[in-house]
């Protein structure tokens, strides 16, 4: 099984530093959180064992703190490991590719706000104020159940990633059909799901 650091290094390797792109702790932690979430849904198993806590600025995979807290708000450099050293199998790499395609273009602030509007973080923090320091664990079953609710609108009802799926069409591996209150529906590939859910929030007949 991969560790949270393996997953973090995968995302760090995706950053196009030659184009001037950067990644900080805040964004990295959210990407690793969403990787865990969607691996729990698509592959029905945790991507890594270590806990994710509900901190002020969103979910924090606590294992990463010892490796990356030294960077503060600065950009994190590229990892020394190559992709082959990340401890991820073929299906997990497909999940991470999908997560990167879906969330990688969002900035740290957008990802923070997104996680703040989703139940796993809200539930873990209980009745605390948004500014309160909380180290409560976001339970894996809460993460799985929340994001798996999107499964009710999956066309084929399947979450497993088939190893023979054509790589060139990764963004359409999972197609969602969203029903709107006006009686119409829209088809959305996974890599545009979060953006579409935000755009049509309040207009859907099925909501989390």
N, C-alpha and C. Protein backbone atom coordinates (compact mmCIF):
# COMPACT_ATOMS: atom_id res chain seq x y z
N UNK A 1 0.84 -1.20 0.00
CA UNK A 1 0.00 0.00 0.00
C UNK A 1 0.87 1.25 0.00
N UNK A 2 0.44 2.25 -0.73
CA UNK A 2 1.16 3.52 -0.77
C UNK A 2 1.01 4.26 0.56
N UNK A 3 1.87 5.22 0.78
CA UNK A 3 1.74 6.12 1.91
C UNK A 3 1.24 7.48 1.41
N UNK A 4 0.83 8.33 2.34
CA UNK A 4 0.41 9.67 1.95
C UNK A 4 1.55 10.44 1.31
N UNK A 5 2.78 10.15 1.72
CA UNK A 5 3.95 10.82 1.13
C UNK A 5 4.14 10.37 -0.32
N UNK A 6 3.92 9.08 -0.59
CA UNK A 6 3.98 8.61 -1.98
C UNK A 6 3.01 9.40 -2.85
N UNK A 7 1.78 9.56 -2.36
CA UNK A 7 0.75 10.26 -3.12
C UNK A 7 1.13 11.72 -3.30
N UNK A 8 1.64 12.34 -2.24
CA UNK A 8 2.07 13.74 -2.33
C UNK A 8 3.17 13.90 -3.37
N UNK A 9 4.12 12.98 -3.38
CA UNK A 9 5.22 13.07 -4.34
C UNK A 9 4.72 12.91 -5.78
N UNK A 10 3.69 12.10 -5.96
CA UNK A 10 3.11 11.97 -7.30
C UNK A 10 2.61 13.34 -7.78
N UNK A 11 1.84 14.03 -6.93
CA UNK A 11 1.31 15.34 -7.33
C UNK A 11 2.43 16.37 -7.50
N UNK A 12 3.44 16.31 -6.64
CA UNK A 12 4.55 17.25 -6.77
C UNK A 12 5.28 17.07 -8.10
N UNK A 13 5.30 15.84 -8.58
CA UNK A 13 5.96 15.57 -9.85
C UNK A 13 5.16 16.08 -11.04
N UNK A 14 3.88 16.39 -10.83
CA UNK A 14 3.02 16.86 -11.91
C UNK A 14 3.13 18.37 -12.16
N UNK A 15 3.68 19.09 -11.21
CA UNK A 15 3.73 20.55 -11.30
C UNK A 15 4.70 20.97 -12.41
N UNK A 16 4.23 21.82 -13.30
CA UNK A 16 5.05 22.29 -14.41
C UNK A 16 5.85 23.51 -13.96
N UNK A 17 6.96 23.25 -13.32
CA UNK A 17 7.77 24.33 -12.76
C UNK A 17 8.42 25.18 -13.84
N UNK A 18 8.70 24.59 -15.00
CA UNK A 18 9.29 25.35 -16.10
C UNK A 18 8.33 26.42 -16.61
N UNK A 19 7.02 26.17 -16.44
CA UNK A 19 6.01 27.16 -16.85
C UNK A 19 5.72 28.15 -15.73
N UNK A 20 6.41 28.00 -14.59
CA UNK A 20 6.21 28.92 -13.48
C UNK A 20 5.18 28.47 -12.48
N UNK A 21 4.64 27.25 -12.63
CA UNK A 21 3.64 26.75 -11.69
C UNK A 21 4.31 26.36 -10.37
N UNK A 22 3.55 26.52 -9.28
CA UNK A 22 4.06 26.18 -7.95
C UNK A 22 2.97 25.44 -7.18
N UNK A 23 3.37 24.83 -6.07
CA UNK A 23 2.41 24.16 -5.20
C UNK A 23 2.87 24.31 -3.76
N UNK A 24 1.94 24.68 -2.89
CA UNK A 24 2.23 24.86 -1.47
C UNK A 24 1.59 23.74 -0.67
N UNK A 25 1.87 23.75 0.64
CA UNK A 25 1.26 22.75 1.52
C UNK A 25 -0.25 22.72 1.40
N UNK A 26 -0.87 23.88 1.39
CA UNK A 26 -2.33 23.97 1.42
C UNK A 26 -2.93 23.23 0.22
N UNK A 27 -2.41 23.47 -0.96
CA UNK A 27 -2.94 22.80 -2.14
C UNK A 27 -2.58 21.32 -2.13
N UNK A 28 -1.36 21.00 -1.77
CA UNK A 28 -0.92 19.61 -1.77
C UNK A 28 -1.77 18.76 -0.84
N UNK A 29 -2.05 19.25 0.34
CA UNK A 29 -2.83 18.47 1.30
C UNK A 29 -4.24 18.19 0.78
N UNK A 30 -4.81 19.18 0.10
CA UNK A 30 -6.16 18.96 -0.43
C UNK A 30 -6.16 17.95 -1.58
N UNK A 31 -5.13 18.00 -2.42
CA UNK A 31 -5.04 17.03 -3.51
C UNK A 31 -4.91 15.61 -2.96
N UNK A 32 -4.10 15.44 -1.93
CA UNK A 32 -3.93 14.11 -1.33
C UNK A 32 -5.23 13.66 -0.68
N UNK A 33 -5.96 14.59 -0.07
CA UNK A 33 -7.27 14.26 0.50
C UNK A 33 -8.23 13.76 -0.58
N UNK A 34 -8.32 14.48 -1.69
CA UNK A 34 -9.24 14.07 -2.75
C UNK A 34 -8.79 12.77 -3.41
N UNK A 35 -7.49 12.53 -3.42
CA UNK A 35 -7.00 11.24 -3.94
C UNK A 35 -7.49 10.10 -3.05
N UNK A 36 -7.41 10.30 -1.74
CA UNK A 36 -7.92 9.27 -0.82
C UNK A 36 -9.42 9.08 -1.02
N UNK A 37 -10.14 10.18 -1.14
CA UNK A 37 -11.60 10.11 -1.28
C UNK A 37 -12.01 9.32 -2.51
N UNK A 38 -11.44 9.65 -3.65
CA UNK A 38 -11.88 9.01 -4.88
C UNK A 38 -11.32 7.61 -5.03
N UNK A 39 -10.21 7.31 -4.38
CA UNK A 39 -9.74 5.92 -4.39
C UNK A 39 -10.69 5.05 -3.56
N UNK A 40 -11.19 5.59 -2.45
CA UNK A 40 -12.17 4.87 -1.63
C UNK A 40 -13.43 4.56 -2.43
N UNK A 41 -13.81 5.47 -3.32
CA UNK A 41 -15.01 5.27 -4.13
C UNK A 41 -14.74 4.35 -5.32
N UNK A 42 -13.75 4.70 -6.12
CA UNK A 42 -13.53 3.98 -7.37
C UNK A 42 -12.95 2.59 -7.17
N UNK A 43 -12.01 2.46 -6.23
CA UNK A 43 -11.37 1.17 -6.01
C UNK A 43 -11.85 0.48 -4.74
N UNK A 44 -12.68 1.18 -3.95
CA UNK A 44 -13.30 0.62 -2.75
C UNK A 44 -12.27 0.18 -1.71
N UNK A 45 -11.16 0.91 -1.64
CA UNK A 45 -10.14 0.64 -0.63
C UNK A 45 -9.37 1.93 -0.37
N UNK A 46 -8.78 2.06 0.82
CA UNK A 46 -7.97 3.25 1.09
C UNK A 46 -6.73 3.27 0.21
N UNK A 47 -6.31 4.45 -0.15
CA UNK A 47 -5.07 4.62 -0.90
C UNK A 47 -3.88 4.56 0.05
N UNK A 48 -4.08 5.07 1.28
CA UNK A 48 -3.06 5.01 2.33
C UNK A 48 -3.78 4.89 3.68
N UNK A 49 -3.06 4.40 4.68
CA UNK A 49 -3.67 4.10 5.98
C UNK A 49 -3.74 5.28 6.93
N UNK A 50 -2.80 6.21 6.84
CA UNK A 50 -2.70 7.27 7.84
C UNK A 50 -3.92 8.18 7.82
N UNK A 51 -4.15 8.84 8.97
CA UNK A 51 -5.36 9.64 9.17
C UNK A 51 -5.30 10.99 8.46
N UNK A 52 -6.49 11.52 8.18
CA UNK A 52 -6.67 12.88 7.69
C UNK A 52 -7.46 13.63 8.76
N UNK A 53 -6.97 14.78 9.17
CA UNK A 53 -7.62 15.55 10.23
C UNK A 53 -8.30 16.79 9.67
N UNK A 54 -9.32 17.25 10.39
CA UNK A 54 -10.13 18.39 9.96
C UNK A 54 -9.57 19.69 10.58
N UNK A 55 -8.57 20.26 9.96
CA UNK A 55 -7.94 21.47 10.45
C UNK A 55 -8.70 22.70 9.97
N UNK A 56 -8.25 23.86 10.43
CA UNK A 56 -8.94 25.12 10.12
C UNK A 56 -9.06 25.34 8.62
N UNK A 57 -8.00 25.06 7.90
CA UNK A 57 -7.99 25.33 6.46
C UNK A 57 -8.33 24.11 5.62
N UNK A 58 -9.04 23.17 6.22
CA UNK A 58 -9.49 22.01 5.46
C UNK A 58 -8.80 20.73 5.88
N UNK A 59 -9.04 19.64 5.15
CA UNK A 59 -8.45 18.35 5.49
C UNK A 59 -6.93 18.35 5.38
N UNK A 60 -6.27 17.74 6.37
CA UNK A 60 -4.81 17.64 6.39
C UNK A 60 -4.40 16.19 6.61
N UNK A 61 -3.78 15.54 5.62
CA UNK A 61 -3.22 14.20 5.85
C UNK A 61 -2.04 14.34 6.82
N UNK A 62 -2.25 13.92 8.05
CA UNK A 62 -1.33 14.28 9.13
C UNK A 62 0.07 13.73 8.91
N UNK A 63 0.20 12.63 8.19
CA UNK A 63 1.51 12.04 7.90
C UNK A 63 2.40 13.02 7.13
N UNK A 64 1.80 13.91 6.36
CA UNK A 64 2.59 14.81 5.52
C UNK A 64 3.25 15.94 6.29
N UNK A 65 2.76 16.21 7.49
CA UNK A 65 3.28 17.36 8.23
C UNK A 65 4.77 17.24 8.50
N UNK A 66 5.24 16.04 8.84
CA UNK A 66 6.66 15.88 9.17
C UNK A 66 7.55 16.09 7.95
N UNK A 67 7.01 15.85 6.76
CA UNK A 67 7.80 15.98 5.54
C UNK A 67 7.74 17.37 4.92
N UNK A 68 6.60 18.08 5.10
CA UNK A 68 6.39 19.30 4.33
C UNK A 68 6.14 20.56 5.14
N UNK A 69 5.98 20.45 6.47
CA UNK A 69 5.68 21.65 7.26
C UNK A 69 6.83 22.66 7.21
N UNK A 70 8.04 22.19 6.95
CA UNK A 70 9.21 23.08 6.92
C UNK A 70 9.12 24.11 5.80
N UNK A 71 8.26 23.86 4.82
CA UNK A 71 8.15 24.80 3.70
C UNK A 71 7.22 25.97 4.00
N UNK A 72 6.45 25.87 5.09
CA UNK A 72 5.53 26.96 5.43
C UNK A 72 4.60 27.28 4.28
N UNK A 73 4.56 28.55 3.88
CA UNK A 73 3.73 28.97 2.75
C UNK A 73 4.51 29.02 1.43
N UNK A 74 5.76 28.56 1.47
CA UNK A 74 6.60 28.59 0.27
C UNK A 74 6.26 27.43 -0.66
N UNK A 75 6.71 27.55 -1.89
CA UNK A 75 6.53 26.49 -2.86
C UNK A 75 7.36 25.26 -2.47
N UNK A 76 6.79 24.09 -2.69
CA UNK A 76 7.48 22.84 -2.39
C UNK A 76 8.21 22.38 -3.65
N UNK A 77 9.48 21.98 -3.54
CA UNK A 77 10.23 21.57 -4.72
C UNK A 77 9.80 20.20 -5.24
N UNK A 78 10.28 19.88 -6.42
CA UNK A 78 9.99 18.59 -7.03
C UNK A 78 10.64 17.47 -6.22
N UNK A 79 9.95 16.33 -6.05
CA UNK A 79 10.54 15.22 -5.29
C UNK A 79 11.69 14.58 -6.05
N UNK A 80 12.56 13.93 -5.31
CA UNK A 80 13.69 13.25 -5.94
C UNK A 80 13.26 11.94 -6.58
N UNK A 81 12.16 11.33 -6.07
CA UNK A 81 11.72 10.03 -6.58
C UNK A 81 11.19 10.14 -7.99
N UNK A 82 11.34 9.09 -8.76
CA UNK A 82 10.70 9.00 -10.06
C UNK A 82 9.32 8.40 -9.88
N UNK A 83 8.47 8.49 -10.92
CA UNK A 83 7.12 7.96 -10.83
C UNK A 83 7.11 6.49 -10.43
N UNK A 84 8.09 5.72 -10.90
CA UNK A 84 8.12 4.31 -10.61
C UNK A 84 8.40 3.99 -9.15
N UNK A 85 8.82 4.99 -8.38
CA UNK A 85 9.15 4.77 -6.97
C UNK A 85 8.02 5.19 -6.03
N UNK A 86 6.87 5.51 -6.55
CA UNK A 86 5.81 6.05 -5.71
C UNK A 86 4.99 5.01 -4.97
N UNK A 87 5.20 3.74 -5.23
CA UNK A 87 4.48 2.70 -4.51
C UNK A 87 3.03 2.60 -4.89
N UNK A 88 2.68 3.01 -6.11
CA UNK A 88 1.29 3.02 -6.56
C UNK A 88 1.11 2.00 -7.68
N UNK A 89 -0.01 1.27 -7.64
CA UNK A 89 -0.25 0.33 -8.73
C UNK A 89 -0.95 1.03 -9.90
N UNK A 90 -1.18 0.29 -10.97
CA UNK A 90 -1.70 0.88 -12.21
C UNK A 90 -3.05 1.54 -12.01
N UNK A 91 -3.95 0.89 -11.27
CA UNK A 91 -5.28 1.46 -11.07
C UNK A 91 -5.23 2.70 -10.19
N UNK A 92 -4.37 2.67 -9.16
CA UNK A 92 -4.24 3.85 -8.30
C UNK A 92 -3.68 5.03 -9.08
N UNK A 93 -2.74 4.76 -9.97
CA UNK A 93 -2.19 5.84 -10.80
C UNK A 93 -3.27 6.45 -11.68
N UNK A 94 -4.20 5.63 -12.16
CA UNK A 94 -5.30 6.17 -12.97
C UNK A 94 -6.20 7.08 -12.13
N UNK A 95 -6.46 6.67 -10.89
CA UNK A 95 -7.25 7.52 -10.01
C UNK A 95 -6.53 8.85 -9.79
N UNK A 96 -5.24 8.80 -9.52
CA UNK A 96 -4.49 10.03 -9.26
C UNK A 96 -4.43 10.92 -10.49
N UNK A 97 -4.32 10.31 -11.66
CA UNK A 97 -4.37 11.11 -12.89
C UNK A 97 -5.70 11.84 -13.01
N UNK A 98 -6.79 11.14 -12.69
CA UNK A 98 -8.11 11.76 -12.75
C UNK A 98 -8.25 12.89 -11.73
N UNK A 99 -7.73 12.66 -10.53
CA UNK A 99 -7.78 13.70 -9.50
C UNK A 99 -6.98 14.92 -9.94
N UNK A 100 -5.82 14.70 -10.53
CA UNK A 100 -5.01 15.83 -11.01
C UNK A 100 -5.73 16.59 -12.11
N UNK A 101 -6.33 15.87 -13.05
CA UNK A 101 -7.07 16.52 -14.13
C UNK A 101 -8.25 17.32 -13.60
N UNK A 102 -8.87 16.83 -12.52
CA UNK A 102 -10.07 17.46 -11.98
C UNK A 102 -9.75 18.64 -11.07
N UNK A 103 -8.78 18.46 -10.19
CA UNK A 103 -8.52 19.45 -9.14
C UNK A 103 -7.20 20.22 -9.33
N UNK A 104 -6.32 19.73 -10.20
CA UNK A 104 -4.98 20.31 -10.30
C UNK A 104 -4.95 21.75 -10.76
N UNK A 105 -5.94 22.18 -11.53
CA UNK A 105 -5.96 23.57 -12.00
C UNK A 105 -6.58 24.53 -11.00
N UNK A 106 -7.17 24.00 -9.93
CA UNK A 106 -7.73 24.87 -8.89
C UNK A 106 -6.61 25.36 -7.98
N UNK A 107 -6.72 26.60 -7.51
CA UNK A 107 -5.69 27.09 -6.60
C UNK A 107 -5.97 26.64 -5.17
N UNK A 108 -5.03 26.89 -4.29
CA UNK A 108 -5.14 26.41 -2.91
C UNK A 108 -6.39 26.96 -2.23
N UNK A 109 -6.71 28.22 -2.47
CA UNK A 109 -7.87 28.84 -1.84
C UNK A 109 -9.17 28.18 -2.32
N UNK A 110 -9.25 27.90 -3.62
CA UNK A 110 -10.44 27.24 -4.16
C UNK A 110 -10.62 25.86 -3.54
N UNK A 111 -9.53 25.11 -3.42
CA UNK A 111 -9.61 23.77 -2.84
C UNK A 111 -9.98 23.82 -1.37
N UNK A 112 -9.46 24.81 -0.67
CA UNK A 112 -9.84 24.98 0.74
C UNK A 112 -11.34 25.22 0.85
N UNK A 113 -11.87 26.15 0.06
CA UNK A 113 -13.29 26.47 0.12
C UNK A 113 -14.15 25.28 -0.29
N UNK A 114 -13.69 24.53 -1.28
CA UNK A 114 -14.43 23.36 -1.73
C UNK A 114 -14.57 22.35 -0.60
N UNK A 115 -13.47 22.05 0.06
CA UNK A 115 -13.52 21.07 1.16
C UNK A 115 -14.35 21.57 2.33
N UNK A 116 -14.40 22.89 2.53
CA UNK A 116 -15.19 23.47 3.63
C UNK A 116 -16.69 23.33 3.39
N UNK A 117 -17.08 23.14 2.14
CA UNK A 117 -18.50 23.01 1.81
C UNK A 117 -18.95 21.56 1.69
N UNK A 118 -18.08 20.62 2.04
CA UNK A 118 -18.41 19.21 1.91
C UNK A 118 -18.48 18.56 3.29
N UNK A 119 -19.37 17.59 3.44
CA UNK A 119 -19.72 17.05 4.75
C UNK A 119 -18.59 16.37 5.53
N UNK A 120 -17.65 15.66 4.91
CA UNK A 120 -16.64 15.01 5.74
C UNK A 120 -15.90 15.96 6.68
N UNK A 121 -15.46 17.10 6.16
CA UNK A 121 -14.76 18.09 6.99
C UNK A 121 -15.72 18.71 8.00
N UNK A 122 -16.93 19.04 7.58
CA UNK A 122 -17.92 19.66 8.45
C UNK A 122 -18.28 18.71 9.60
N UNK A 123 -18.52 17.45 9.28
CA UNK A 123 -18.92 16.46 10.29
C UNK A 123 -17.82 16.25 11.32
N UNK A 124 -16.59 16.14 10.87
CA UNK A 124 -15.48 15.89 11.78
C UNK A 124 -15.29 17.04 12.76
N UNK A 125 -15.57 18.26 12.34
CA UNK A 125 -15.36 19.42 13.20
C UNK A 125 -16.51 19.64 14.18
N UNK A 126 -17.62 18.96 13.96
CA UNK A 126 -18.73 19.05 14.90
C UNK A 126 -19.25 20.46 15.05
N UNK A 127 -19.39 20.90 16.30
CA UNK A 127 -19.95 22.23 16.57
C UNK A 127 -18.88 23.31 16.73
N UNK A 128 -17.66 23.02 16.41
CA UNK A 128 -16.59 24.00 16.56
C UNK A 128 -16.75 25.13 15.55
N UNK A 129 -16.18 26.26 15.90
CA UNK A 129 -16.17 27.39 15.00
C UNK A 129 -15.12 27.17 13.91
N UNK A 130 -15.29 27.86 12.78
CA UNK A 130 -14.36 27.67 11.67
C UNK A 130 -12.94 28.05 12.05
N UNK A 131 -12.78 28.98 13.00
CA UNK A 131 -11.45 29.44 13.40
C UNK A 131 -10.85 28.61 14.55
N UNK A 132 -11.59 27.63 15.07
CA UNK A 132 -11.10 26.81 16.18
C UNK A 132 -10.10 25.76 15.69
N UNK A 133 -9.03 25.57 16.46
CA UNK A 133 -8.10 24.50 16.13
C UNK A 133 -8.74 23.16 16.52
N UNK A 134 -8.86 22.28 15.57
CA UNK A 134 -9.45 20.95 15.79
C UNK A 134 -8.56 19.92 15.13
N UNK A 135 -8.27 18.83 15.84
CA UNK A 135 -7.47 17.77 15.25
C UNK A 135 -8.26 16.47 15.10
N UNK A 136 -9.58 16.61 15.02
CA UNK A 136 -10.44 15.44 14.86
C UNK A 136 -10.19 14.75 13.53
N UNK A 137 -10.23 13.43 13.56
CA UNK A 137 -10.00 12.64 12.35
C UNK A 137 -11.24 12.65 11.46
N UNK A 138 -11.05 12.84 10.18
CA UNK A 138 -12.13 12.66 9.20
C UNK A 138 -12.17 11.16 8.88
N UNK A 139 -13.20 10.50 9.33
CA UNK A 139 -13.25 9.04 9.22
C UNK A 139 -13.33 8.61 7.75
N UNK A 140 -12.64 7.54 7.43
CA UNK A 140 -12.62 7.05 6.05
C UNK A 140 -14.01 6.68 5.56
N UNK A 141 -14.84 6.11 6.45
CA UNK A 141 -16.18 5.73 6.00
C UNK A 141 -17.04 6.96 5.72
N UNK A 142 -16.78 8.06 6.43
CA UNK A 142 -17.51 9.30 6.13
C UNK A 142 -17.08 9.85 4.77
N UNK A 143 -15.78 9.78 4.50
CA UNK A 143 -15.27 10.22 3.20
C UNK A 143 -15.88 9.37 2.10
N UNK A 144 -15.78 8.05 2.25
CA UNK A 144 -16.29 7.12 1.23
C UNK A 144 -17.78 7.33 0.99
N UNK A 145 -18.55 7.39 2.07
CA UNK A 145 -20.01 7.48 1.91
C UNK A 145 -20.44 8.79 1.26
N UNK A 146 -19.76 9.89 1.61
CA UNK A 146 -20.14 11.17 1.04
C UNK A 146 -19.91 11.20 -0.47
N UNK A 147 -18.71 10.84 -0.90
CA UNK A 147 -18.41 10.91 -2.33
C UNK A 147 -19.07 9.78 -3.10
N UNK A 148 -19.31 8.65 -2.45
CA UNK A 148 -20.00 7.54 -3.12
C UNK A 148 -21.46 7.89 -3.40
N UNK A 149 -22.00 8.89 -2.71
CA UNK A 149 -23.37 9.32 -3.01
C UNK A 149 -23.50 9.77 -4.46
N UNK A 150 -22.39 10.25 -5.03
CA UNK A 150 -22.43 10.60 -6.44
C UNK A 150 -22.69 9.37 -7.30
N UNK A 151 -22.47 8.20 -6.72
CA UNK A 151 -22.70 6.97 -7.46
C UNK A 151 -24.14 6.78 -7.87
N UNK A 152 -25.07 7.40 -7.15
CA UNK A 152 -26.47 7.27 -7.50
C UNK A 152 -26.78 7.91 -8.85
N UNK A 153 -25.85 8.74 -9.33
CA UNK A 153 -26.06 9.37 -10.63
C UNK A 153 -25.05 8.89 -11.66
N UNK A 154 -24.28 7.84 -11.30
CA UNK A 154 -23.41 7.23 -12.30
C UNK A 154 -24.24 6.44 -13.29
N UNK A 155 -23.95 6.58 -14.55
CA UNK A 155 -24.74 5.90 -15.58
C UNK A 155 -24.71 4.38 -15.43
N UNK A 156 -23.50 3.82 -15.23
CA UNK A 156 -23.40 2.37 -15.24
C UNK A 156 -23.33 1.77 -13.85
N UNK A 157 -23.32 2.61 -12.82
CA UNK A 157 -23.32 2.10 -11.46
C UNK A 157 -22.02 1.44 -11.03
N UNK A 158 -20.96 1.56 -11.83
CA UNK A 158 -19.70 0.92 -11.52
C UNK A 158 -18.65 1.94 -11.07
N UNK A 159 -17.84 1.52 -10.11
CA UNK A 159 -16.75 2.37 -9.64
C UNK A 159 -15.38 1.82 -9.99
N UNK A 160 -15.28 0.52 -10.22
CA UNK A 160 -13.97 -0.09 -10.44
C UNK A 160 -13.34 0.42 -11.73
N UNK A 161 -12.06 0.69 -11.66
CA UNK A 161 -11.32 1.08 -12.85
C UNK A 161 -10.81 -0.18 -13.52
N UNK A 162 -11.20 -0.40 -14.75
CA UNK A 162 -10.77 -1.58 -15.50
C UNK A 162 -9.39 -1.34 -16.07
N UNK A 163 -8.49 -2.28 -15.86
CA UNK A 163 -7.10 -2.10 -16.28
C UNK A 163 -6.96 -2.03 -17.79
N UNK A 164 -8.00 -2.40 -18.54
CA UNK A 164 -7.88 -2.36 -20.00
C UNK A 164 -8.49 -1.11 -20.60
N UNK A 165 -8.95 -0.18 -19.77
CA UNK A 165 -9.53 1.06 -20.28
C UNK A 165 -8.49 1.82 -21.11
N UNK A 166 -8.93 2.38 -22.22
CA UNK A 166 -8.03 3.11 -23.11
C UNK A 166 -7.50 4.36 -22.39
N UNK A 167 -6.18 4.48 -22.33
CA UNK A 167 -5.56 5.58 -21.58
C UNK A 167 -5.92 6.95 -22.15
N UNK A 168 -6.06 7.04 -23.47
CA UNK A 168 -6.28 8.34 -24.10
C UNK A 168 -7.61 8.97 -23.68
N UNK A 169 -8.49 8.18 -23.09
CA UNK A 169 -9.81 8.70 -22.76
C UNK A 169 -10.03 8.73 -21.25
N UNK A 170 -8.95 9.00 -20.49
CA UNK A 170 -9.05 8.96 -19.04
C UNK A 170 -10.13 9.90 -18.51
N UNK A 171 -10.28 11.07 -19.12
CA UNK A 171 -11.22 12.06 -18.59
C UNK A 171 -12.67 11.62 -18.72
N UNK A 172 -12.93 10.61 -19.53
CA UNK A 172 -14.30 10.14 -19.71
C UNK A 172 -14.52 8.74 -19.15
N UNK A 173 -13.58 8.26 -18.33
CA UNK A 173 -13.74 6.92 -17.76
C UNK A 173 -15.04 6.81 -16.98
N UNK A 174 -15.41 7.88 -16.31
CA UNK A 174 -16.61 7.88 -15.49
C UNK A 174 -17.48 9.04 -15.94
N UNK A 175 -18.64 8.73 -16.48
CA UNK A 175 -19.54 9.77 -16.96
C UNK A 175 -20.76 9.84 -16.05
N UNK A 176 -21.05 11.00 -15.54
CA UNK A 176 -22.16 11.22 -14.63
C UNK A 176 -23.33 11.86 -15.39
N UNK A 177 -24.53 11.45 -15.06
CA UNK A 177 -25.72 12.08 -15.61
C UNK A 177 -26.43 12.81 -14.47
N UNK A 178 -26.41 14.13 -14.51
CA UNK A 178 -27.01 14.95 -13.46
C UNK A 178 -28.42 15.37 -13.86
N UNK A 179 -29.38 15.08 -13.00
CA UNK A 179 -30.77 15.47 -13.26
C UNK A 179 -31.06 16.81 -12.62
N UNK A 180 -31.64 17.72 -13.41
CA UNK A 180 -31.98 19.05 -12.92
C UNK A 180 -33.46 19.13 -12.56
N UNK A 181 -33.78 20.06 -11.69
CA UNK A 181 -35.15 20.21 -11.21
C UNK A 181 -36.12 20.62 -12.32
N UNK A 182 -35.59 21.18 -13.41
CA UNK A 182 -36.48 21.58 -14.52
C UNK A 182 -36.79 20.41 -15.46
N UNK A 183 -36.32 19.20 -15.07
CA UNK A 183 -36.66 18.00 -15.85
C UNK A 183 -35.62 17.61 -16.88
N UNK A 184 -34.61 18.43 -17.08
CA UNK A 184 -33.57 18.10 -18.04
C UNK A 184 -32.40 17.42 -17.32
N UNK A 185 -31.47 16.90 -18.09
CA UNK A 185 -30.28 16.28 -17.51
C UNK A 185 -29.07 16.67 -18.34
N UNK A 186 -27.91 16.60 -17.70
CA UNK A 186 -26.66 16.92 -18.39
C UNK A 186 -25.66 15.81 -18.10
N UNK A 187 -24.87 15.46 -19.10
CA UNK A 187 -23.84 14.45 -18.96
C UNK A 187 -22.51 15.14 -18.68
N UNK A 188 -21.80 14.65 -17.65
CA UNK A 188 -20.57 15.30 -17.21
C UNK A 188 -19.48 14.26 -17.00
N UNK A 189 -18.30 14.42 -17.64
CA UNK A 189 -17.19 13.52 -17.34
C UNK A 189 -16.63 13.83 -15.96
N UNK A 190 -15.97 12.85 -15.36
CA UNK A 190 -15.49 13.02 -13.99
C UNK A 190 -14.62 14.25 -13.82
N UNK A 191 -13.75 14.53 -14.78
CA UNK A 191 -12.81 15.63 -14.58
C UNK A 191 -13.48 17.00 -14.62
N UNK A 192 -14.79 17.05 -14.90
CA UNK A 192 -15.52 18.32 -14.83
C UNK A 192 -16.65 18.27 -13.80
N UNK A 193 -16.65 17.21 -12.98
CA UNK A 193 -17.76 17.01 -12.05
C UNK A 193 -17.86 18.12 -11.01
N UNK A 194 -16.75 18.41 -10.30
CA UNK A 194 -16.82 19.39 -9.22
C UNK A 194 -17.21 20.77 -9.75
N UNK A 195 -16.63 21.16 -10.88
CA UNK A 195 -16.97 22.46 -11.46
C UNK A 195 -18.45 22.53 -11.81
N UNK A 196 -18.98 21.45 -12.37
CA UNK A 196 -20.39 21.42 -12.77
C UNK A 196 -21.31 21.41 -11.55
N UNK A 197 -20.94 20.66 -10.52
CA UNK A 197 -21.75 20.63 -9.31
C UNK A 197 -21.84 22.01 -8.67
N UNK A 198 -20.73 22.73 -8.68
CA UNK A 198 -20.75 24.08 -8.13
C UNK A 198 -21.62 25.00 -8.99
N UNK A 199 -21.52 24.84 -10.30
CA UNK A 199 -22.27 25.70 -11.22
C UNK A 199 -23.78 25.48 -11.08
N UNK A 200 -24.18 24.21 -10.87
CA UNK A 200 -25.60 23.89 -10.82
C UNK A 200 -26.11 23.63 -9.40
N UNK A 201 -25.34 24.01 -8.40
CA UNK A 201 -25.75 23.81 -7.01
C UNK A 201 -27.12 24.45 -6.77
N UNK A 202 -28.04 23.69 -6.20
CA UNK A 202 -29.39 24.20 -5.96
C UNK A 202 -30.36 23.83 -7.07
N UNK A 203 -29.85 23.44 -8.24
CA UNK A 203 -30.71 23.09 -9.36
C UNK A 203 -30.81 21.58 -9.56
N UNK A 204 -30.04 20.80 -8.78
CA UNK A 204 -30.01 19.36 -8.97
C UNK A 204 -31.12 18.67 -8.18
N UNK A 205 -31.63 17.58 -8.72
CA UNK A 205 -32.62 16.81 -7.98
C UNK A 205 -31.94 15.86 -6.99
N UNK A 206 -30.66 15.54 -7.21
CA UNK A 206 -29.89 14.72 -6.30
C UNK A 206 -28.72 15.55 -5.82
N UNK A 207 -28.67 15.83 -4.49
CA UNK A 207 -27.61 16.63 -3.95
C UNK A 207 -27.06 15.97 -2.70
N UNK A 208 -25.77 16.26 -2.40
CA UNK A 208 -25.13 15.75 -1.18
C UNK A 208 -25.34 16.76 -0.07
